[in-house]
Amino acid sequence: MSALARWLPKLGAVPWAPLGTWPTPLEHARGDVWVKREGASSPRYGGNKVRTLEAWLGHAQSIGARRIWAIGAYGSNHAIATVVHARALGLDAGVILFPQAPSKWAAENAGALIASGCEVVRLRSVVEVPFAGFVKARRELVMPPGGATPIGTLGAMSAAFELAEQIEAGLAPPPEQIVLAVGSTCTTAGLLAGLQLARAAGVWRWPVPIVHAVRVTPWPVTSRLLITQLAARSLARVARLGGPSVKVDPSRLVVDARELGRGYGRITDRARAALGSLPVRLDGVYSAKAAAALGRMTGPTIFWATKSEVLLPAPALGALRNAAPALAKWLLK
């Protein structure tokens, strides 16, 4: 049972696929920084997307979907997580991918997608994403990038309740801010909504912290308006399901663009320097950029470590030969 359903039993009726190992560890890193190790959420493939997929794959099962599709860049964490965890439930999965800047972290994920043998639909550019739903057929379900809808945000909302339990247990002091990378916005919006929901439910007994979201994708994908709108839609869904009626408080959100650099997937010098700064696995596409912002924080801070701690093996030569030529060529750069 999710932490959200434990505290709000009416939400226990929401379809849910148990995938993760909860709670993820909350550990002191240095000074005023504690780390929430979301990367340890599964021995198959961890990271923040496991929470998103518990809700999405539960939904897919409830409607009798035969296959679920993930949309993302070549090295998408969400895409490989979908394939790994959908198959663990006996559900087929496919991915719709668009190009991104090469990096060892993106190559690890793309290589694992090729090795999986899953069906791949390759887009020429991210601008084609709005039209990617053409693959949808009878009994097939297409998630938006990152699963960022009020279905997917329930996972991160549950994480806010889990975090409250850990703070109550003395594993960390109540934070002044939670720092994380923001890409598709699902985790950020879910935490923003979940913290305020936990406060209204009497679970979060301390001042609601700032959700300090460090951009790894540019505006308008990570616009403050889109994040708060998704959080508001998520809270409205909870109210319809029988939970308390809560309004989103935009003052609890900071969107930080100072670590974006030259854009998505392109590591910065500050992110490179941050790679070894915490006792947890970081990546230059997402989490290291967020870690680079920690030096600007004051007071107790929780760093939301989103990168899977599971290292994925490289694809065999035979799998590379069968991959889409453009994707295989990119992988070998």
C-alpha atoms as a PDB file:
ATOM      1  CA  MET A   1       0.000   0.000   0.000  1.00  0.00           C
ATOM      2  CA  SER A   2       1.302   3.481  -0.834  1.00  0.00           C
ATOM      3  CA  ALA A   3       1.874   6.043   1.910  1.00  0.00           C
ATOM      4  CA  LEU A   4      -0.849   8.140   0.300  1.00  0.00           C
ATOM      5  CA  ALA A   5      -3.415   5.352   0.654  1.00  0.00           C
ATOM      6  CA  ARG A   6      -2.355   4.641   4.251  1.00  0.00           C
ATOM      7  CA  TRP A   7      -3.213   8.177   5.281  1.00  0.00           C
ATOM      8  CA  LEU A   8      -6.117   8.749   2.884  1.00  0.00           C
ATOM      9  CA  PRO A   9      -7.842   5.338   2.705  1.00  0.00           C
ATOM     10  CA  LYS A  10     -10.369   6.420   0.076  1.00  0.00           C
ATOM     11  CA  LEU A  11      -7.469   6.710  -2.376  1.00  0.00           C
ATOM     12  CA  GLY A  12      -6.805   3.017  -1.873  1.00  0.00           C
ATOM     13  CA  ALA A  13      -9.359   2.389  -4.621  1.00  0.00           C
ATOM     14  CA  VAL A  14      -7.038   3.978  -7.208  1.00  0.00           C
ATOM     15  CA  PRO A  15      -5.466   1.272  -9.414  1.00  0.00           C
ATOM     16  CA  TRP A  16      -1.885   0.732  -8.311  1.00  0.00           C
ATOM     17  CA  ALA A  17       0.920  -1.579  -9.405  1.00  0.00           C
ATOM     18  CA  PRO A  18       3.387  -2.295  -6.585  1.00  0.00           C
ATOM     19  CA  LEU A  19       6.864  -1.938  -8.100  1.00  0.00           C
ATOM     20  CA  GLY A  20       9.150  -0.173  -5.664  1.00  0.00           C
ATOM     21  CA  THR A  21      10.944  -0.844  -2.415  1.00  0.00           C
ATOM     22  CA  TRP A  22       9.577   1.737   0.015  1.00  0.00           C
ATOM     23  CA  PRO A  23      10.485   3.855   1.786  1.00  0.00           C
ATOM     24  CA  THR A  24      13.561   4.953  -0.110  1.00  0.00           C
ATOM     25  CA  PRO A  25      16.453   5.825   2.233  1.00  0.00           C
ATOM     26  CA  LEU A  26      16.721   9.311   3.710  1.00  0.00           C
ATOM     27  CA  GLU A  27      20.344   9.903   4.712  1.00  0.00           C
ATOM     28  CA  HIS A  28      22.560  12.727   5.893  1.00  0.00           C
ATOM     29  CA  ALA A  29      25.033  13.809   3.207  1.00  0.00           C
ATOM     30  CA  ARG A  30      26.901  16.838   4.543  1.00  0.00           C
ATOM     31  CA  GLY A  31      26.239  19.935   6.630  1.00  0.00           C
ATOM     32  CA  ASP A  32      22.596  20.887   6.224  1.00  0.00           C
ATOM     33  CA  VAL A  33      21.972  18.526   3.285  1.00  0.00           C
ATOM     34  CA  TRP A  34      20.094  15.213   3.475  1.00  0.00           C
ATOM     35  CA  VAL A  35      19.572  12.948   0.468  1.00  0.00           C
ATOM     36  CA  LYS A  36      16.353  11.138  -0.419  1.00  0.00           C
ATOM     37  CA  ARG A  37      17.728   8.186  -2.397  1.00  0.00           C
ATOM     38  CA  GLU A  38      14.996   7.653  -4.958  1.00  0.00           C
ATOM     39  CA  GLY A  39      17.563   5.825  -7.068  1.00  0.00           C
ATOM     40  CA  ALA A  40      17.286   2.912  -4.629  1.00  0.00           C
ATOM     41  CA  SER A  41      13.575   2.457  -5.317  1.00  0.00           C
ATOM     42  CA  SER A  42      13.980  -0.821  -7.220  1.00  0.00           C
ATOM     43  CA  PRO A  43      16.656  -3.477  -7.795  1.00  0.00           C
ATOM     44  CA  ARG A  44      15.465  -3.748 -11.418  1.00  0.00           C
ATOM     45  CA  TYR A  45      15.783  -0.059 -12.257  1.00  0.00           C
ATOM     46  CA  GLY A  46      15.262   2.690  -9.718  1.00  0.00           C
ATOM     47  CA  GLY A  47      14.792   6.431  -9.790  1.00  0.00           C
ATOM     48  CA  ASN A  48      11.833   8.743  -9.393  1.00  0.00           C
ATOM     49  CA  LYS A  49       9.970   7.224 -12.343  1.00  0.00           C
ATOM     50  CA  VAL A  50       9.187   4.068 -10.365  1.00  0.00           C
ATOM     51  CA  ARG A  51       6.654   6.069  -8.345  1.00  0.00           C
ATOM     52  CA  THR A  52       5.121   7.504 -11.525  1.00  0.00           C
ATOM     53  CA  LEU A  53       4.842   4.056 -13.054  1.00  0.00           C
ATOM     54  CA  GLU A  54       3.151   2.482 -10.028  1.00  0.00           C
ATOM     55  CA  ALA A  55       0.185   4.716 -10.824  1.00  0.00           C
ATOM     56  CA  TRP A  56       0.413   4.538 -14.618  1.00  0.00           C
ATOM     57  CA  LEU A  57       0.900   0.775 -14.880  1.00  0.00           C
ATOM     58  CA  GLY A  58      -1.876   0.221 -12.361  1.00  0.00           C
ATOM     59  CA  HIS A  59      -4.083   2.354 -14.595  1.00  0.00           C
ATOM     60  CA  ALA A  60      -2.986   0.405 -17.683  1.00  0.00           C
ATOM     61  CA  GLN A  61      -3.895  -2.884 -16.027  1.00  0.00           C
ATOM     62  CA  SER A  62      -7.260  -1.554 -14.855  1.00  0.00           C
ATOM     63  CA  ILE A  63      -8.351  -0.632 -18.386  1.00  0.00           C
ATOM     64  CA  GLY A  64      -7.053  -3.853 -19.907  1.00  0.00           C
ATOM     65  CA  ALA A  65      -4.295  -2.239 -21.948  1.00  0.00           C
ATOM     66  CA  ARG A  66      -2.206  -4.674 -23.968  1.00  0.00           C
ATOM     67  CA  ARG A  67       0.765  -2.377 -24.317  1.00  0.00           C
ATOM     68  CA  ILE A  68       1.947   0.930 -22.866  1.00  0.00           C
ATOM     69  CA  TRP A  69       4.116   3.457 -24.701  1.00  0.00           C
ATOM     70  CA  ALA A  70       6.583   5.917 -23.171  1.00  0.00           C
ATOM     71  CA  ILE A  71       7.748   9.082 -24.921  1.00  0.00           C
ATOM     72  CA  GLY A  72      11.163  10.584 -24.291  1.00  0.00           C
ATOM     73  CA  ALA A  73      14.625  11.384 -25.562  1.00  0.00           C
ATOM     74  CA  TYR A  74      16.995   8.643 -26.727  1.00  0.00           C
ATOM     75  CA  GLY A  75      18.405   8.344 -23.201  1.00  0.00           C
ATOM     76  CA  SER A  76      15.135   8.808 -21.311  1.00  0.00           C
ATOM     77  CA  ASN A  77      15.016   7.452 -17.754  1.00  0.00           C
ATOM     78  CA  HIS A  78      11.250   7.252 -18.079  1.00  0.00           C
ATOM     79  CA  ALA A  79      11.428   5.179 -21.260  1.00  0.00           C
ATOM     80  CA  ILE A  80      13.765   2.486 -19.936  1.00  0.00           C
ATOM     81  CA  ALA A  81      11.942   2.418 -16.589  1.00  0.00           C
ATOM     82  CA  THR A  82       8.663   1.819 -18.426  1.00  0.00           C
ATOM     83  CA  VAL A  83      10.055  -1.123 -20.407  1.00  0.00           C
ATOM     84  CA  VAL A  84      11.690  -2.731 -17.361  1.00  0.00           C
ATOM     85  CA  HIS A  85       8.731  -2.405 -15.014  1.00  0.00           C
ATOM     86  CA  ALA A  86       5.927  -3.046 -17.495  1.00  0.00           C
ATOM     87  CA  ARG A  87       7.537  -6.340 -18.449  1.00  0.00           C
ATOM     88  CA  ALA A  88       7.875  -7.285 -14.785  1.00  0.00           C
ATOM     89  CA  LEU A  89       4.070  -7.102 -14.654  1.00  0.00           C
ATOM     90  CA  GLY A  90       3.608  -9.065 -17.872  1.00  0.00           C
ATOM     91  CA  LEU A  91       2.635  -5.952 -19.849  1.00  0.00           C
ATOM     92  CA  ASP A  92       4.217  -5.134 -23.209  1.00  0.00           C
ATOM     93  CA  ALA A  93       5.919  -1.765 -23.631  1.00  0.00           C
ATOM     94  CA  GLY A  94       7.162   0.338 -26.523  1.00  0.00           C
ATOM     95  CA  VAL A  95       9.037   3.625 -26.677  1.00  0.00           C
ATOM     96  CA  ILE A  96       8.769   6.733 -28.853  1.00  0.00           C
ATOM     97  CA  LEU A  97      12.134   8.492 -28.923  1.00  0.00           C
ATOM     98  CA  PHE A  98      13.548  11.768 -30.183  1.00  0.00           C
ATOM     99  CA  PRO A  99      17.246  12.770 -30.489  1.00  0.00           C
ATOM    100  CA  GLN A 100      19.232  14.383 -27.711  1.00  0.00           C
ATOM    101  CA  ALA A 101      22.826  15.433 -27.069  1.00  0.00           C
ATOM    102  CA  PRO A 102      25.045  12.372 -26.504  1.00  0.00           C
ATOM    103  CA  SER A 103      26.376  11.582 -23.032  1.00  0.00           C
ATOM    104  CA  LYS A 104      27.422   8.436 -21.197  1.00  0.00           C
ATOM    105  CA  TRP A 105      24.234   8.498 -19.110  1.00  0.00           C
ATOM    106  CA  ALA A 106      21.978   8.826 -22.153  1.00  0.00           C
ATOM    107  CA  ALA A 107      23.974   6.102 -23.918  1.00  0.00           C
ATOM    108  CA  GLU A 108      23.492   3.746 -20.963  1.00  0.00           C
ATOM    109  CA  ASN A 109      19.709   4.088 -21.140  1.00  0.00           C
ATOM    110  CA  ALA A 110      19.523   3.995 -24.948  1.00  0.00           C
ATOM    111  CA  GLY A 111      21.728   0.924 -25.032  1.00  0.00           C
ATOM    112  CA  ALA A 112      19.463  -0.809 -22.531  1.00  0.00           C
ATOM    113  CA  LEU A 113      16.422   0.027 -24.667  1.00  0.00           C
ATOM    114  CA  ILE A 114      18.120  -1.522 -27.693  1.00  0.00           C
ATOM    115  CA  ALA A 115      19.144  -4.576 -25.659  1.00  0.00           C
ATOM    116  CA  SER A 116      15.548  -5.025 -24.477  1.00  0.00           C
ATOM    117  CA  GLY A 117      14.328  -5.546 -28.026  1.00  0.00           C
ATOM    118  CA  CYS A 118      11.262  -3.396 -27.340  1.00  0.00           C
ATOM    119  CA  GLU A 119       9.507  -1.731 -30.249  1.00  0.00           C
ATOM    120  CA  VAL A 120      10.997   1.692 -30.947  1.00  0.00           C
ATOM    121  CA  VAL A 121       9.317   4.494 -32.884  1.00  0.00           C
ATOM    122  CA  ARG A 122      11.961   7.085 -33.717  1.00  0.00           C
ATOM    123  CA  LEU A 123      11.011  10.722 -34.160  1.00  0.00           C
ATOM    124  CA  ARG A 124      13.215  13.082 -36.128  1.00  0.00           C
ATOM    125  CA  SER A 125      12.852  15.869 -33.574  1.00  0.00           C
ATOM    126  CA  VAL A 126      11.232  16.763 -30.279  1.00  0.00           C
ATOM    127  CA  VAL A 127       8.826  19.005 -32.217  1.00  0.00           C
ATOM    128  CA  GLU A 128       7.093  15.846 -33.464  1.00  0.00           C
ATOM    129  CA  VAL A 129       6.155  14.778 -29.912  1.00  0.00           C
ATOM    130  CA  PRO A 130       2.636  16.319 -30.007  1.00  0.00           C
ATOM    131  CA  PHE A 131       1.847  14.015 -32.929  1.00  0.00           C
ATOM    132  CA  ALA A 132       3.398  10.886 -31.401  1.00  0.00           C
ATOM    133  CA  GLY A 133       0.057   9.467 -30.296  1.00  0.00           C
ATOM    134  CA  PHE A 134      -0.455   8.086 -33.798  1.00  0.00           C
ATOM    135  CA  VAL A 135       0.795   4.715 -32.514  1.00  0.00           C
ATOM    136  CA  LYS A 136      -2.187   4.428 -30.232  1.00  0.00           C
ATOM    137  CA  ALA A 137      -4.401   1.537 -31.236  1.00  0.00           C
ATOM    138  CA  ARG A 138      -6.998  -0.649 -29.586  1.00  0.00           C
ATOM    139  CA  ARG A 139      -5.829  -1.682 -26.113  1.00  0.00           C
ATOM    140  CA  GLU A 140      -2.665   0.413 -26.355  1.00  0.00           C
ATOM    141  CA  LEU A 141      -1.944   3.313 -24.025  1.00  0.00           C
ATOM    142  CA  VAL A 142       0.397   6.231 -24.763  1.00  0.00           C
ATOM    143  CA  MET A 143       1.772   8.230 -21.838  1.00  0.00           C
ATOM    144  CA  PRO A 144       2.853  11.843 -22.347  1.00  0.00           C
ATOM    145  CA  PRO A 145       6.565  12.574 -21.732  1.00  0.00           C
ATOM    146  CA  GLY A 146       7.457  11.633 -18.179  1.00  0.00           C
ATOM    147  CA  GLY A 147       3.906  10.429 -17.509  1.00  0.00           C
ATOM    148  CA  ALA A 148       3.129  14.005 -16.444  1.00  0.00           C
ATOM    149  CA  THR A 149      -0.618  13.934 -15.784  1.00  0.00           C
ATOM    150  CA  PRO A 150      -2.704  13.720 -12.588  1.00  0.00           C
ATOM    151  CA  ILE A 151      -2.372   9.935 -12.955  1.00  0.00           C
ATOM    152  CA  GLY A 152       1.424  10.030 -12.771  1.00  0.00           C
ATOM    153  CA  THR A 153       1.736  12.691 -10.073  1.00  0.00           C
ATOM    154  CA  LEU A 154       0.078  10.449  -7.485  1.00  0.00           C
ATOM    155  CA  GLY A 155       3.404   8.664  -7.050  1.00  0.00           C
ATOM    156  CA  ALA A 156       5.301  11.782  -6.021  1.00  0.00           C
ATOM    157  CA  MET A 157       2.350  12.912  -3.905  1.00  0.00           C
ATOM    158  CA  SER A 158       2.664   9.654  -1.999  1.00  0.00           C
ATOM    159  CA  ALA A 159       6.391  10.356  -1.597  1.00  0.00           C
ATOM    160  CA  ALA A 160       5.551  13.542   0.311  1.00  0.00           C
ATOM    161  CA  PHE A 161       3.585  11.480   2.852  1.00  0.00           C
ATOM    162  CA  GLU A 162       6.448   8.971   3.055  1.00  0.00           C
ATOM    163  CA  LEU A 163       8.896  11.802   3.684  1.00  0.00           C
ATOM    164  CA  ALA A 164       6.702  13.137   6.493  1.00  0.00           C
ATOM    165  CA  GLU A 165       6.832   9.718   8.169  1.00  0.00           C
ATOM    166  CA  GLN A 166      10.636   9.666   7.918  1.00  0.00           C
ATOM    167  CA  ILE A 167      10.984  13.163   9.379  1.00  0.00           C
ATOM    168  CA  GLU A 168       8.622  12.213  12.192  1.00  0.00           C
ATOM    169  CA  ALA A 169      10.952   9.256  12.843  1.00  0.00           C
ATOM    170  CA  GLY A 170      13.903  11.630  13.205  1.00  0.00           C
ATOM    171  CA  LEU A 171      15.798  10.681  10.035  1.00  0.00           C
ATOM    172  CA  ALA A 172      16.124  14.353   9.045  1.00  0.00           C
ATOM    173  CA  PRO A 173      14.933  17.712  10.336  1.00  0.00           C
ATOM    174  CA  PRO A 174      11.982  19.402   8.633  1.00  0.00           C
ATOM    175  CA  PRO A 175      13.524  20.912   5.493  1.00  0.00           C
ATOM    176  CA  GLU A 176      13.354  24.510   4.411  1.00  0.00           C
ATOM    177  CA  GLN A 177      13.586  23.354   0.815  1.00  0.00           C
ATOM    178  CA  ILE A 178      13.601  20.219  -1.329  1.00  0.00           C
ATOM    179  CA  VAL A 179      15.955  20.448  -4.308  1.00  0.00           C
ATOM    180  CA  LEU A 180      15.413  18.367  -7.428  1.00  0.00           C
ATOM    181  CA  ALA A 181      15.826  18.444 -11.188  1.00  0.00           C
ATOM    182  CA  VAL A 182      12.720  19.343 -13.192  1.00  0.00           C
ATOM    183  CA  GLY A 183      12.261  17.950 -16.686  1.00  0.00           C
ATOM    184  CA  SER A 184       8.822  16.619 -17.581  1.00  0.00           C
ATOM    185  CA  THR A 185       7.439  18.249 -14.339  1.00  0.00           C
ATOM    186  CA  CYS A 186       5.669  15.122 -13.016  1.00  0.00           C
ATOM    187  CA  THR A 187       7.752  14.676  -9.850  1.00  0.00           C
ATOM    188  CA  THR A 188       7.975  18.407  -9.135  1.00  0.00           C
ATOM    189  CA  ALA A 189       4.233  18.973  -9.494  1.00  0.00           C
ATOM    190  CA  GLY A 190       3.512  15.849  -7.454  1.00  0.00           C
ATOM    191  CA  LEU A 191       5.748  16.954  -4.584  1.00  0.00           C
ATOM    192  CA  LEU A 192       4.331  20.493  -4.660  1.00  0.00           C
ATOM    193  CA  ALA A 193       0.804  19.098  -4.442  1.00  0.00           C
ATOM    194  CA  GLY A 194       1.673  16.263  -2.070  1.00  0.00           C
ATOM    195  CA  LEU A 195       3.344  18.430   0.550  1.00  0.00           C
ATOM    196  CA  GLN A 196       0.327  20.714   0.715  1.00  0.00           C
ATOM    197  CA  LEU A 197      -2.034  17.747   0.793  1.00  0.00           C
ATOM    198  CA  ALA A 198      -0.013  16.147   3.607  1.00  0.00           C
ATOM    199  CA  ARG A 199      -0.151  19.417   5.540  1.00  0.00           C
ATOM    200  CA  ALA A 200      -3.943  19.612   5.121  1.00  0.00           C
ATOM    201  CA  ALA A 201      -4.290  15.968   6.213  1.00  0.00           C
ATOM    202  CA  GLY A 202      -2.287  16.653   9.385  1.00  0.00           C
ATOM    203  CA  VAL A 203       0.588  14.383   8.320  1.00  0.00           C
ATOM    204  CA  TRP A 204       3.082  17.171   7.549  1.00  0.00           C
ATOM    205  CA  ARG A 205       3.171  19.018  10.882  1.00  0.00           C
ATOM    206  CA  TRP A 206       5.853  21.581   9.993  1.00  0.00           C
ATOM    207  CA  PRO A 207       5.973  24.607   7.670  1.00  0.00           C
ATOM    208  CA  VAL A 208       5.637  23.479   4.053  1.00  0.00           C
ATOM    209  CA  PRO A 209       9.087  23.656   2.415  1.00  0.00           C
ATOM    210  CA  ILE A 210       9.958  25.279  -0.870  1.00  0.00           C
ATOM    211  CA  VAL A 211      10.133  22.874  -3.797  1.00  0.00           C
ATOM    212  CA  HIS A 212      13.273  24.188  -5.498  1.00  0.00           C
ATOM    213  CA  ALA A 213      13.121  22.797  -9.035  1.00  0.00           C
ATOM    214  CA  VAL A 214      16.300  23.122 -11.117  1.00  0.00           C
ATOM    215  CA  ARG A 215      15.571  23.257 -14.827  1.00  0.00           C
ATOM    216  CA  VAL A 216      17.131  20.629 -17.087  1.00  0.00           C
ATOM    217  CA  THR A 217      14.691  21.345 -19.904  1.00  0.00           C
ATOM    218  CA  PRO A 218      13.938  24.856 -21.166  1.00  0.00           C
ATOM    219  CA  TRP A 219      10.834  27.006 -20.947  1.00  0.00           C
ATOM    220  CA  PRO A 220       7.983  26.434 -21.723  1.00  0.00           C
ATOM    221  CA  VAL A 221       8.282  22.729 -20.811  1.00  0.00           C
ATOM    222  CA  THR A 222       9.339  23.625 -17.282  1.00  0.00           C
ATOM    223  CA  SER A 223       7.347  26.816 -16.935  1.00  0.00           C
ATOM    224  CA  ARG A 224       6.145  27.740 -13.483  1.00  0.00           C
ATOM    225  CA  LEU A 225       2.599  27.987 -14.828  1.00  0.00           C
ATOM    226  CA  LEU A 226       2.556  24.441 -16.238  1.00  0.00           C
ATOM    227  CA  ILE A 227       3.954  22.993 -13.008  1.00  0.00           C
ATOM    228  CA  THR A 228       1.426  24.748 -10.776  1.00  0.00           C
ATOM    229  CA  GLN A 229      -1.423  23.883 -13.147  1.00  0.00           C
ATOM    230  CA  LEU A 230      -0.484  20.198 -13.030  1.00  0.00           C
ATOM    231  CA  ALA A 231      -0.255  20.362  -9.241  1.00  0.00           C
ATOM    232  CA  ALA A 232      -3.690  22.003  -9.079  1.00  0.00           C
ATOM    233  CA  ARG A 233      -5.231  19.392 -11.400  1.00  0.00           C
ATOM    234  CA  SER A 234      -3.693  16.661  -9.256  1.00  0.00           C
ATOM    235  CA  LEU A 235      -5.162  18.077  -6.053  1.00  0.00           C
ATOM    236  CA  ALA A 236      -8.537  18.447  -7.764  1.00  0.00           C
ATOM    237  CA  ARG A 237      -8.418  14.759  -8.724  1.00  0.00           C
ATOM    238  CA  VAL A 238      -7.627  13.776  -5.129  1.00  0.00           C
ATOM    239  CA  ALA A 239     -10.652  15.766  -3.950  1.00  0.00           C
ATOM    240  CA  ARG A 240     -12.879  14.003  -6.496  1.00  0.00           C
ATOM    241  CA  LEU A 241     -11.586  10.655  -5.216  1.00  0.00           C
ATOM    242  CA  GLY A 242     -12.657  11.508  -1.675  1.00  0.00           C
ATOM    243  CA  GLY A 243      -9.573  13.227  -0.285  1.00  0.00           C
ATOM    244  CA  PRO A 244      -9.475  16.700   1.257  1.00  0.00           C
ATOM    245  CA  SER A 245     -10.030  19.739  -0.928  1.00  0.00           C
ATOM    246  CA  VAL A 246      -6.714  21.636  -1.126  1.00  0.00           C
ATOM    247  CA  LYS A 247      -5.592  24.565  -3.243  1.00  0.00           C
ATOM    248  CA  VAL A 248      -2.075  24.714  -4.645  1.00  0.00           C
ATOM    249  CA  ASP A 249       0.180  27.397  -3.149  1.00  0.00           C
ATOM    250  CA  PRO A 250       2.475  28.690  -5.921  1.00  0.00           C
ATOM    251  CA  SER A 251       4.651  30.494  -3.363  1.00  0.00           C
ATOM    252  CA  ARG A 252       6.058  27.074  -2.368  1.00  0.00           C
ATOM    253  CA  LEU A 253       7.653  26.617  -5.816  1.00  0.00           C
ATOM    254  CA  VAL A 254      10.928  28.033  -7.139  1.00  0.00           C
ATOM    255  CA  VAL A 255      11.954  27.272 -10.720  1.00  0.00           C
ATOM    256  CA  ASP A 256      15.717  27.760 -11.044  1.00  0.00           C
ATOM    257  CA  ALA A 257      17.118  28.209 -14.574  1.00  0.00           C
ATOM    258  CA  ARG A 258      20.708  28.941 -13.560  1.00  0.00           C
ATOM    259  CA  GLU A 259      22.016  25.395 -14.143  1.00  0.00           C
ATOM    260  CA  LEU A 260      20.446  24.688 -17.563  1.00  0.00           C
ATOM    261  CA  GLY A 261      23.550  25.674 -19.516  1.00  0.00           C
ATOM    262  CA  ARG A 262      23.333  25.028 -23.262  1.00  0.00           C
ATOM    263  CA  GLY A 263      20.179  22.980 -22.901  1.00  0.00           C
ATOM    264  CA  TYR A 264      18.754  19.540 -22.269  1.00  0.00           C
ATOM    265  CA  GLY A 265      21.258  16.731 -22.062  1.00  0.00           C
ATOM    266  CA  ARG A 266      24.303  19.010 -22.227  1.00  0.00           C
ATOM    267  CA  ILE A 267      26.410  18.795 -19.085  1.00  0.00           C
ATOM    268  CA  THR A 268      27.767  22.020 -17.619  1.00  0.00           C
ATOM    269  CA  ASP A 269      31.050  22.619 -15.831  1.00  0.00           C
ATOM    270  CA  ARG A 270      29.150  23.161 -12.585  1.00  0.00           C
ATOM    271  CA  ALA A 271      27.270  19.876 -13.007  1.00  0.00           C
ATOM    272  CA  ARG A 272      30.498  18.044 -13.810  1.00  0.00           C
ATOM    273  CA  ALA A 273      32.042  19.411 -10.616  1.00  0.00           C
ATOM    274  CA  ALA A 274      28.970  18.312  -8.644  1.00  0.00           C
ATOM    275  CA  LEU A 275      29.104  14.671  -9.817  1.00  0.00           C
ATOM    276  CA  GLY A 276      31.184  13.550  -6.843  1.00  0.00           C
ATOM    277  CA  SER A 277      29.758  15.978  -4.326  1.00  0.00           C
ATOM    278  CA  LEU A 278      27.173  13.635  -2.761  1.00  0.00           C
ATOM    279  CA  PRO A 279      27.289  10.002  -1.585  1.00  0.00           C
ATOM    280  CA  VAL A 280      24.821   8.925  -4.271  1.00  0.00           C
ATOM    281  CA  ARG A 281      24.855   8.282  -8.010  1.00  0.00           C
ATOM    282  CA  LEU A 282      24.307  11.449 -10.056  1.00  0.00           C
ATOM    283  CA  ASP A 283      24.033  12.002 -13.803  1.00  0.00           C
ATOM    284  CA  GLY A 284      25.017  15.001 -15.905  1.00  0.00           C
ATOM    285  CA  VAL A 285      21.658  15.231 -17.667  1.00  0.00           C
ATOM    286  CA  TYR A 286      19.456  15.667 -14.590  1.00  0.00           C
ATOM    287  CA  SER A 287      20.575  15.191 -11.023  1.00  0.00           C
ATOM    288  CA  ALA A 288      24.076  16.706 -11.171  1.00  0.00           C
ATOM    289  CA  LYS A 289      22.589  19.954 -12.453  1.00  0.00           C
ATOM    290  CA  ALA A 290      20.289  19.981  -9.435  1.00  0.00           C
ATOM    291  CA  ALA A 291      23.205  19.156  -7.116  1.00  0.00           C
ATOM    292  CA  ALA A 292      25.088  22.136  -8.523  1.00  0.00           C
ATOM    293  CA  ALA A 293      22.399  24.382  -7.039  1.00  0.00           C
ATOM    294  CA  LEU A 294      22.892  23.129  -3.478  1.00  0.00           C
ATOM    295  CA  GLY A 295      25.578  25.704  -2.750  1.00  0.00           C
ATOM    296  CA  ARG A 296      22.920  28.422  -2.938  1.00  0.00           C
ATOM    297  CA  MET A 297      20.714  26.816  -0.273  1.00  0.00           C
ATOM    298  CA  THR A 298      20.615  27.817   3.378  1.00  0.00           C
ATOM    299  CA  GLY A 299      19.091  25.845   6.225  1.00  0.00           C
ATOM    300  CA  PRO A 300      18.055  22.163   6.263  1.00  0.00           C
ATOM    301  CA  THR A 301      17.759  20.909   2.693  1.00  0.00           C
ATOM    302  CA  ILE A 302      16.656  17.601   1.194  1.00  0.00           C
ATOM    303  CA  PHE A 303      18.171  16.675  -2.159  1.00  0.00           C
ATOM    304  CA  TRP A 304      15.839  14.466  -4.195  1.00  0.00           C
ATOM    305  CA  ALA A 305      18.291  12.059  -5.859  1.00  0.00           C
ATOM    306  CA  THR A 306      16.371  10.862  -8.918  1.00  0.00           C
ATOM    307  CA  LYS A 307      18.962   8.816 -10.862  1.00  0.00           C
ATOM    308  CA  SER A 308      18.668   5.027 -10.704  1.00  0.00           C
ATOM    309  CA  GLU A 309      21.433   3.409  -8.689  1.00  0.00           C
ATOM    310  CA  VAL A 310      21.229   0.324 -10.926  1.00  0.00           C
ATOM    311  CA  LEU A 311      23.867   0.264 -13.685  1.00  0.00           C
ATOM    312  CA  LEU A 312      22.465  -1.065 -16.955  1.00  0.00           C
ATOM    313  CA  PRO A 313      24.536  -3.367 -19.182  1.00  0.00           C
ATOM    314  CA  ALA A 314      25.560  -2.373 -22.712  1.00  0.00           C
ATOM    315  CA  PRO A 315      23.713  -4.051 -25.599  1.00  0.00           C
ATOM    316  CA  ALA A 316      25.194  -7.032 -27.397  1.00  0.00           C
ATOM    317  CA  LEU A 317      26.548  -6.522 -30.900  1.00  0.00           C
ATOM    318  CA  GLY A 318      23.632  -8.442 -32.379  1.00  0.00           C
ATOM    319  CA  ALA A 319      21.128  -6.116 -30.735  1.00  0.00           C
ATOM    320  CA  LEU A 320      22.974  -3.091 -32.122  1.00  0.00           C
ATOM    321  CA  ARG A 321      22.801  -4.538 -35.630  1.00  0.00           C
ATOM    322  CA  ASN A 322      19.032  -4.845 -35.324  1.00  0.00           C
ATOM    323  CA  ALA A 323      18.526  -1.321 -33.955  1.00  0.00           C
ATOM    324  CA  ALA A 324      17.308   1.634 -35.984  1.00  0.00           C
ATOM    325  CA  PRO A 325      20.423   2.824 -37.888  1.00  0.00           C
ATOM    326  CA  ALA A 326      20.133   6.434 -36.691  1.00  0.00           C
ATOM    327  CA  LEU A 327      19.832   5.338 -33.056  1.00  0.00           C
ATOM    328  CA  ALA A 328      22.736   2.879 -33.321  1.00  0.00           C
ATOM    329  CA  LYS A 329      24.906   5.545 -34.972  1.00  0.00           C
ATOM    330  CA  TRP A 330      24.075   8.013 -32.198  1.00  0.00           C
ATOM    331  CA  LEU A 331      24.891   5.430 -29.545  1.00  0.00           C
ATOM    332  CA  LEU A 332      28.350   4.838 -31.018  1.00  0.00           C
ATOM    333  CA  LYS A 333      29.312   8.521 -31.039  1.00  0.00           C
END
